[in-house]
Amino acid sequence: MTTHSQLQSVVVGTGGYLPEKVLTNDDLARMVDTSDEWIVQRTGIRERHIAADGQVTSDLALNAALKALEAAGLTADDIDLIVVATTTPDRTFPATAAILQNKLGITHGFAFDVQAVCSGFVFALATADGYLKTGMARRALVVGAETNSRLVDWTDRTTCVLFGDGAGAVVLEAQEAHPNGAGARGILVSSLRTDGSHWDKLYTDGGVSVNQQTGLLRMEGREVFRHAVGVISDVVEDVLAKSGTSTADLDWFVPHQANRRIIDGAGKKLGIPEEKTVITVDRHANTSAASVPLALDEAVRDGRIKPGQLVMLEAMGGGFTWGAVLIRW
């Protein structure tokens, strides 16, 4: 009989979805006082996808989830845990995960949302890993999905250029680990952090109990940038230390796609070469909790990420929250 300590969470499928509408920097230049050159120079972003009218976060999540299930060779009935990371839920309640569960036609198992803003998917992955390793679930669908366009102030040229909509998903399966630890696959180590003293550097100016409104996104860009490279490096180094690995052992680095300068800065500080870094920010912009699974799915589907490789995921978001997960593919 398998004991809980002998279980490991293996990624058996990935999926991604981007809404059809593309908003380019030139499109934005007709809306606010900005330019393609200004946006690219400061962020590396060239375009972003925007959800259609009436298209909600759970719709994006469903599309990504179905692709991940297909890649895993599984059906919705095989899933007994759904964790959705989102800052832009369909409704205040119920959880978007419950709505997604219903859209998938599932009535068994359990489903809930995780809110850690841009770090949400990394937090959700670590959370699902805990449930699988303790035997509370057998297969988990972990989704990062966002309709950031509904939170953005489209008159604020400093923030509206940064964000886009999308969803990414993975299917995790609890598999028996080798008794001696040899050939370990799946999630090896996770490290999560939060420091709420920085809450007012990246937030929305509304909320249910504050003013009964959703609010719009507000950000002190320079302050966020100033903290980003340091906290990203801190949590990645923590994961490497706990796993007994080094940056030289990594095959792929899949960072949160917020800003090309942050990605480059973190890579330089950690000693991870650009050719090992998955970058989608130029085409996706910052899709918050969807950014890491979207980038991961792209690199899996185009063949860059191969079985047996070591993959480091990392994100930082409002809160501040930040985290990293090391996966043996």
Protein backbone atom coordinates (compact mmCIF):
# COMPACT_ATOMS: atom_id res chain seq x y z
CA MET A 1 0.00 0.00 0.00
CA THR A 2 1.29 3.45 -0.93
CA THR A 3 1.86 5.78 2.00
CA HIS A 4 1.29 9.51 1.60
CA SER A 5 5.00 10.31 1.80
CA GLN A 6 5.57 8.15 -1.31
CA LEU A 7 3.32 10.23 -3.56
CA GLN A 8 4.55 12.92 -5.93
CA SER A 9 2.61 15.38 -8.09
CA VAL A 10 3.46 14.88 -11.75
CA VAL A 11 2.41 17.27 -14.52
CA VAL A 12 0.65 15.09 -17.12
CA GLY A 13 -0.82 17.81 -19.35
CA THR A 14 -0.75 21.54 -20.06
CA GLY A 15 -3.12 23.91 -21.86
CA GLY A 16 -3.41 27.57 -22.73
CA TYR A 17 -5.96 29.95 -24.17
CA LEU A 18 -5.77 33.53 -25.42
CA PRO A 19 -8.85 35.54 -26.49
CA GLU A 20 -9.08 36.28 -30.22
CA LYS A 21 -8.90 40.07 -30.01
CA VAL A 22 -5.35 41.45 -30.17
CA LEU A 23 -4.60 44.99 -28.97
CA THR A 24 -1.28 46.31 -30.31
CA ASN A 25 0.83 49.14 -28.96
CA ASP A 26 -0.19 51.23 -31.96
CA ASP A 27 -3.84 50.61 -31.04
CA LEU A 28 -3.10 51.89 -27.52
CA ALA A 29 -1.33 54.96 -28.92
CA ARG A 30 -4.69 55.97 -30.38
CA MET A 31 -6.32 55.66 -26.94
CA VAL A 32 -3.74 57.28 -24.61
CA ASP A 33 -0.60 59.40 -24.94
CA THR A 34 1.96 56.65 -25.59
CA SER A 35 3.86 55.02 -28.45
CA ASP A 36 5.03 51.59 -29.53
CA GLU A 37 8.64 52.65 -29.03
CA TRP A 38 7.99 53.89 -25.46
CA ILE A 39 6.15 50.71 -24.43
CA VAL A 40 8.67 48.30 -25.99
CA GLN A 41 11.66 50.14 -24.54
CA ARG A 42 10.30 50.07 -20.98
CA THR A 43 8.43 46.76 -20.91
CA GLY A 44 9.25 44.61 -23.95
CA ILE A 45 5.50 44.33 -24.65
CA ARG A 46 4.27 44.63 -28.25
CA GLU A 47 0.70 43.34 -28.01
CA ARG A 48 -1.84 41.77 -25.67
CA HIS A 49 -5.09 39.77 -25.98
CA ILE A 50 -8.41 41.18 -24.76
CA ALA A 51 -11.48 39.13 -23.78
CA ALA A 52 -14.57 39.67 -25.92
CA ASP A 53 -17.70 41.32 -24.52
CA GLY A 54 -19.53 38.74 -22.46
CA GLN A 55 -16.48 36.47 -22.28
CA VAL A 56 -15.72 35.89 -18.58
CA THR A 57 -12.78 34.45 -16.66
CA SER A 58 -14.35 30.99 -16.32
CA ASP A 59 -14.77 30.87 -20.12
CA LEU A 60 -11.03 31.43 -20.59
CA ALA A 61 -10.31 28.90 -17.84
CA LEU A 62 -12.55 26.31 -19.52
CA ASN A 63 -10.73 26.60 -22.84
CA ALA A 64 -7.31 26.16 -21.20
CA ALA A 65 -8.59 23.33 -18.98
CA LEU A 66 -9.99 21.34 -21.92
CA LYS A 67 -6.66 21.60 -23.75
CA ALA A 68 -4.76 20.44 -20.65
CA LEU A 69 -7.12 17.48 -20.20
CA GLU A 70 -6.74 16.55 -23.86
CA ALA A 71 -2.94 16.72 -23.57
CA ALA A 72 -3.12 14.49 -20.48
CA GLY A 73 -5.37 11.97 -22.24
CA LEU A 74 -7.94 12.41 -19.49
CA THR A 75 -11.56 13.55 -19.18
CA ALA A 76 -13.13 15.94 -16.72
CA ASP A 77 -14.46 12.94 -14.75
CA ASP A 78 -10.87 12.01 -13.88
CA ILE A 79 -10.40 15.27 -11.95
CA ASP A 80 -11.23 15.43 -8.23
CA LEU A 81 -9.64 18.79 -7.36
CA ILE A 82 -9.81 22.13 -9.15
CA VAL A 83 -7.77 25.13 -8.00
CA VAL A 84 -8.23 28.36 -9.95
CA ALA A 85 -5.83 31.25 -9.40
CA THR A 86 -7.46 34.54 -10.36
CA THR A 87 -7.68 38.19 -9.39
CA THR A 88 -10.62 38.72 -11.74
CA PRO A 89 -13.27 36.18 -10.70
CA ASP A 90 -16.60 35.94 -12.55
CA ARG A 91 -18.39 36.91 -9.34
CA THR A 92 -17.55 37.81 -5.76
CA PHE A 93 -18.90 34.33 -5.03
CA PRO A 94 -19.17 31.46 -5.77
CA ALA A 95 -15.55 30.69 -6.58
CA THR A 96 -14.65 30.72 -10.26
CA ALA A 97 -13.36 27.18 -9.66
CA ALA A 98 -16.91 26.07 -8.78
CA ILE A 99 -18.25 27.71 -11.94
CA LEU A 100 -15.51 26.02 -13.97
CA GLN A 101 -16.31 22.69 -12.31
CA ASN A 102 -19.93 23.08 -13.41
CA LYS A 103 -18.93 24.01 -16.98
CA LEU A 104 -16.81 20.85 -17.08
CA GLY A 105 -19.81 18.81 -15.94
CA ILE A 106 -18.19 17.63 -12.72
CA THR A 107 -20.15 17.23 -9.46
CA HIS A 108 -17.62 15.19 -7.44
CA GLY A 109 -14.44 16.30 -5.67
CA PHE A 110 -13.79 19.86 -4.52
CA ALA A 111 -12.93 23.20 -6.09
CA PHE A 112 -11.80 26.59 -4.82
CA ASP A 113 -9.98 29.78 -5.83
CA VAL A 114 -6.57 31.07 -4.77
CA GLN A 115 -5.88 34.81 -4.69
CA ALA A 116 -2.22 35.80 -4.78
CA VAL A 117 -2.46 38.10 -7.82
CA CYS A 118 0.38 37.48 -10.29
CA SER A 119 1.87 34.77 -8.04
CA GLY A 120 -1.49 33.00 -8.00
CA PHE A 121 -0.63 30.09 -10.27
CA VAL A 122 2.58 29.30 -8.38
CA PHE A 123 0.64 29.42 -5.07
CA ALA A 124 -2.14 27.26 -6.57
CA LEU A 125 0.35 24.69 -7.87
CA ALA A 126 2.00 24.38 -4.45
CA THR A 127 -1.45 24.12 -2.82
CA ALA A 128 -2.64 21.35 -5.15
CA ASP A 129 0.67 19.54 -4.63
CA GLY A 130 -0.04 19.44 -0.89
CA TYR A 131 -3.50 17.91 -1.41
CA LEU A 132 -2.15 15.27 -3.80
CA LYS A 133 0.78 14.29 -1.60
CA THR A 134 -1.50 13.81 1.41
CA GLY A 135 -3.91 11.66 -0.59
CA MET A 136 -6.87 14.05 -0.41
CA ALA A 137 -7.09 14.09 -4.19
CA ARG A 138 -5.78 11.94 -7.03
CA ARG A 139 -5.78 14.32 -9.98
CA ALA A 140 -5.89 18.11 -9.87
CA LEU A 141 -6.67 20.71 -12.49
CA VAL A 142 -4.71 23.87 -11.67
CA VAL A 143 -5.66 26.96 -13.66
CA GLY A 144 -4.48 30.56 -13.82
CA ALA A 145 -7.11 32.71 -15.57
CA GLU A 146 -7.57 36.46 -15.83
CA THR A 147 -9.64 39.13 -17.55
CA ASN A 148 -7.31 41.96 -16.48
CA SER A 149 -8.86 44.26 -19.07
CA ARG A 150 -11.86 44.61 -16.72
CA LEU A 151 -9.63 45.95 -13.90
CA VAL A 152 -7.44 48.28 -15.94
CA ASP A 153 -7.97 52.05 -16.02
CA TRP A 154 -7.80 52.63 -19.78
CA THR A 155 -7.03 56.33 -19.21
CA ASP A 156 -3.89 55.57 -17.16
CA ARG A 157 -1.07 55.23 -19.68
CA THR A 158 1.38 53.91 -17.05
CA THR A 159 -0.68 50.77 -16.33
CA CYS A 160 -3.06 50.11 -19.24
CA VAL A 161 -0.16 49.20 -21.54
CA LEU A 162 1.01 46.41 -19.24
CA PHE A 163 -1.86 43.94 -18.98
CA GLY A 164 -3.67 41.36 -21.08
CA ASP A 165 -6.20 38.54 -20.72
CA GLY A 166 -5.69 34.78 -20.94
CA ALA A 167 -5.67 31.44 -19.15
CA GLY A 168 -3.26 28.56 -18.66
CA ALA A 169 -3.76 25.18 -17.01
CA VAL A 170 -1.96 22.03 -15.91
CA VAL A 171 -3.21 18.62 -14.87
CA LEU A 172 -1.37 17.14 -11.88
CA GLU A 173 -1.53 13.45 -11.05
CA ALA A 174 -0.43 11.78 -7.80
CA GLN A 175 2.00 9.03 -8.74
CA GLU A 176 3.97 6.61 -6.64
CA ALA A 177 7.49 7.82 -6.00
CA HIS A 178 10.58 5.63 -6.19
CA PRO A 179 11.39 4.47 -2.64
CA ASN A 180 15.00 5.71 -2.85
CA GLY A 181 14.04 9.02 -4.48
CA ALA A 182 15.70 8.06 -7.76
CA GLY A 183 14.03 9.31 -10.91
CA ALA A 184 11.79 11.70 -9.00
CA ARG A 185 9.40 13.49 -11.33
CA GLY A 186 6.88 16.25 -10.89
CA ILE A 187 6.96 18.99 -8.28
CA LEU A 188 10.18 18.70 -6.29
CA VAL A 189 10.23 21.83 -4.12
CA SER A 190 8.06 24.94 -3.67
CA SER A 191 8.78 28.17 -1.82
CA LEU A 192 6.12 30.84 -1.18
CA ARG A 193 6.40 34.27 0.45
CA THR A 194 4.17 37.24 1.28
CA ASP A 195 4.94 40.66 2.75
CA GLY A 196 1.73 42.64 3.22
CA SER A 197 3.57 45.81 4.24
CA HIS A 198 3.85 46.55 0.52
CA TRP A 199 0.12 46.15 -0.21
CA ASP A 200 -0.33 49.76 -1.34
CA LYS A 201 2.29 49.57 -4.09
CA LEU A 202 0.08 47.38 -6.30
CA TYR A 203 -3.64 47.14 -5.56
CA THR A 204 -7.18 47.99 -6.69
CA ASP A 205 -8.87 51.10 -5.32
CA GLY A 206 -12.06 49.18 -4.59
CA GLY A 207 -13.36 46.10 -2.84
CA VAL A 208 -16.51 44.51 -1.41
CA SER A 209 -16.04 45.76 2.16
CA VAL A 210 -14.15 48.95 1.27
CA ASN A 211 -16.63 50.62 -1.08
CA GLN A 212 -18.76 47.82 -2.58
CA GLN A 213 -17.00 48.27 -5.93
CA THR A 214 -14.52 46.23 -7.94
CA GLY A 215 -12.11 49.14 -8.23
CA LEU A 216 -9.38 49.79 -10.78
CA LEU A 217 -5.76 48.72 -10.75
CA ARG A 218 -3.26 51.15 -9.20
CA MET A 219 0.49 50.68 -9.19
CA GLU A 220 3.65 52.43 -8.06
CA GLY A 221 5.67 51.09 -10.97
CA ARG A 222 9.12 52.15 -9.79
CA GLU A 223 8.57 50.65 -6.33
CA VAL A 224 7.38 47.34 -7.76
CA PHE A 225 10.33 47.24 -10.16
CA ARG A 226 12.75 48.07 -7.33
CA HIS A 227 11.62 45.07 -5.27
CA ALA A 228 11.02 42.60 -8.09
CA VAL A 229 14.50 41.37 -9.05
CA GLY A 230 15.55 40.94 -5.42
CA VAL A 231 12.53 38.94 -4.24
CA ILE A 232 12.49 36.77 -7.39
CA SER A 233 16.16 35.88 -6.88
CA ASP A 234 15.57 35.23 -3.17
CA VAL A 235 12.83 32.65 -3.70
CA VAL A 236 14.52 30.90 -6.63
CA GLU A 237 17.73 30.56 -4.61
CA ASP A 238 15.70 29.16 -1.70
CA VAL A 239 14.20 26.45 -3.96
CA LEU A 240 17.62 25.60 -5.41
CA ALA A 241 19.10 25.29 -1.90
CA LYS A 242 16.25 23.06 -0.67
CA SER A 243 16.51 20.80 -3.73
CA GLY A 244 20.30 20.60 -3.70
CA THR A 245 20.52 21.99 -7.23
CA SER A 246 22.09 25.06 -8.84
CA THR A 247 21.10 27.36 -11.69
CA ALA A 248 23.52 25.37 -13.88
CA ASP A 249 21.27 22.30 -13.40
CA LEU A 250 18.19 24.11 -14.74
CA ASP A 251 17.06 23.34 -18.27
CA TRP A 252 14.34 26.02 -18.35
CA PHE A 253 13.39 29.13 -16.41
CA VAL A 254 9.72 30.09 -16.76
CA PRO A 255 9.26 33.46 -15.03
CA HIS A 256 6.16 35.56 -14.56
CA GLN A 257 5.77 37.67 -17.70
CA ALA A 258 5.33 41.17 -16.24
CA ASN A 259 8.14 43.17 -17.78
CA ARG A 260 11.07 42.17 -19.97
CA ARG A 261 13.48 44.30 -17.92
CA ILE A 262 12.51 42.44 -14.72
CA ILE A 263 12.93 39.06 -16.43
CA ASP A 264 16.35 40.07 -17.80
CA GLY A 265 17.42 41.53 -14.45
CA ALA A 266 16.46 38.41 -12.52
CA GLY A 267 18.13 36.15 -15.07
CA LYS A 268 21.34 38.14 -14.86
CA LYS A 269 21.36 38.14 -11.05
CA LEU A 270 20.67 34.40 -10.89
CA GLY A 271 23.10 33.54 -13.69
CA ILE A 272 20.41 31.99 -15.91
CA PRO A 273 21.18 32.59 -19.60
CA GLU A 274 18.56 34.10 -21.89
CA GLU A 275 18.49 30.98 -24.07
CA LYS A 276 17.15 28.98 -21.09
CA THR A 277 14.41 31.55 -20.35
CA VAL A 278 10.90 31.22 -21.74
CA ILE A 279 9.61 34.66 -22.80
CA THR A 280 6.07 35.47 -23.95
CA VAL A 281 5.65 38.97 -22.49
CA ASP A 282 6.13 40.57 -25.92
CA ARG A 283 2.97 38.85 -27.24
CA HIS A 284 0.89 38.23 -24.11
CA ALA A 285 1.78 41.21 -21.87
CA ASN A 286 1.16 40.65 -18.14
CA THR A 287 -1.69 38.16 -17.81
CA SER A 288 -1.25 38.01 -14.02
CA ALA A 289 -2.01 34.47 -12.71
CA ALA A 290 -2.27 33.18 -16.30
CA SER A 291 1.22 34.26 -17.34
CA VAL A 292 3.32 31.38 -15.99
CA PRO A 293 1.04 28.53 -17.18
CA LEU A 294 0.63 30.20 -20.61
CA ALA A 295 4.42 30.44 -21.03
CA LEU A 296 4.84 26.89 -19.72
CA ASP A 297 2.25 25.51 -22.13
CA GLU A 298 3.86 27.28 -25.09
CA ALA A 299 7.30 25.83 -24.27
CA VAL A 300 5.87 22.33 -23.78
CA ARG A 301 3.88 22.39 -27.03
CA ASP A 302 6.71 23.72 -29.20
CA GLY A 303 9.01 20.99 -27.87
CA ARG A 304 11.43 23.09 -25.86
CA ILE A 305 10.50 21.48 -22.54
CA LYS A 306 11.20 17.74 -22.71
CA PRO A 307 10.68 14.82 -20.29
CA GLY A 308 13.34 14.61 -17.60
CA GLN A 309 14.27 18.28 -17.75
CA LEU A 310 14.42 20.57 -14.72
CA VAL A 311 12.03 23.52 -14.98
CA MET A 312 11.90 26.48 -12.57
CA LEU A 313 8.67 28.48 -12.35
CA GLU A 314 8.67 31.87 -10.62
CA ALA A 315 6.30 34.77 -10.02
CA MET A 316 5.81 37.96 -8.02
CA GLY A 317 2.55 39.83 -7.52
CA GLY A 318 0.62 42.35 -5.48
CA GLY A 319 0.61 41.77 -1.76
CA PHE A 320 3.57 41.56 -2.22
CA THR A 321 3.51 37.83 -2.94
CA TRP A 322 6.24 35.80 -4.57
CA GLY A 323 7.07 32.16 -5.07
CA ALA A 324 8.92 29.53 -7.06
CA VAL A 325 8.33 25.88 -7.92
CA LEU A 326 10.89 23.40 -9.23
CA ILE A 327 9.52 20.65 -11.48
CA ARG A 328 11.19 17.59 -13.00
CA TRP A 329 9.32 17.19 -16.29
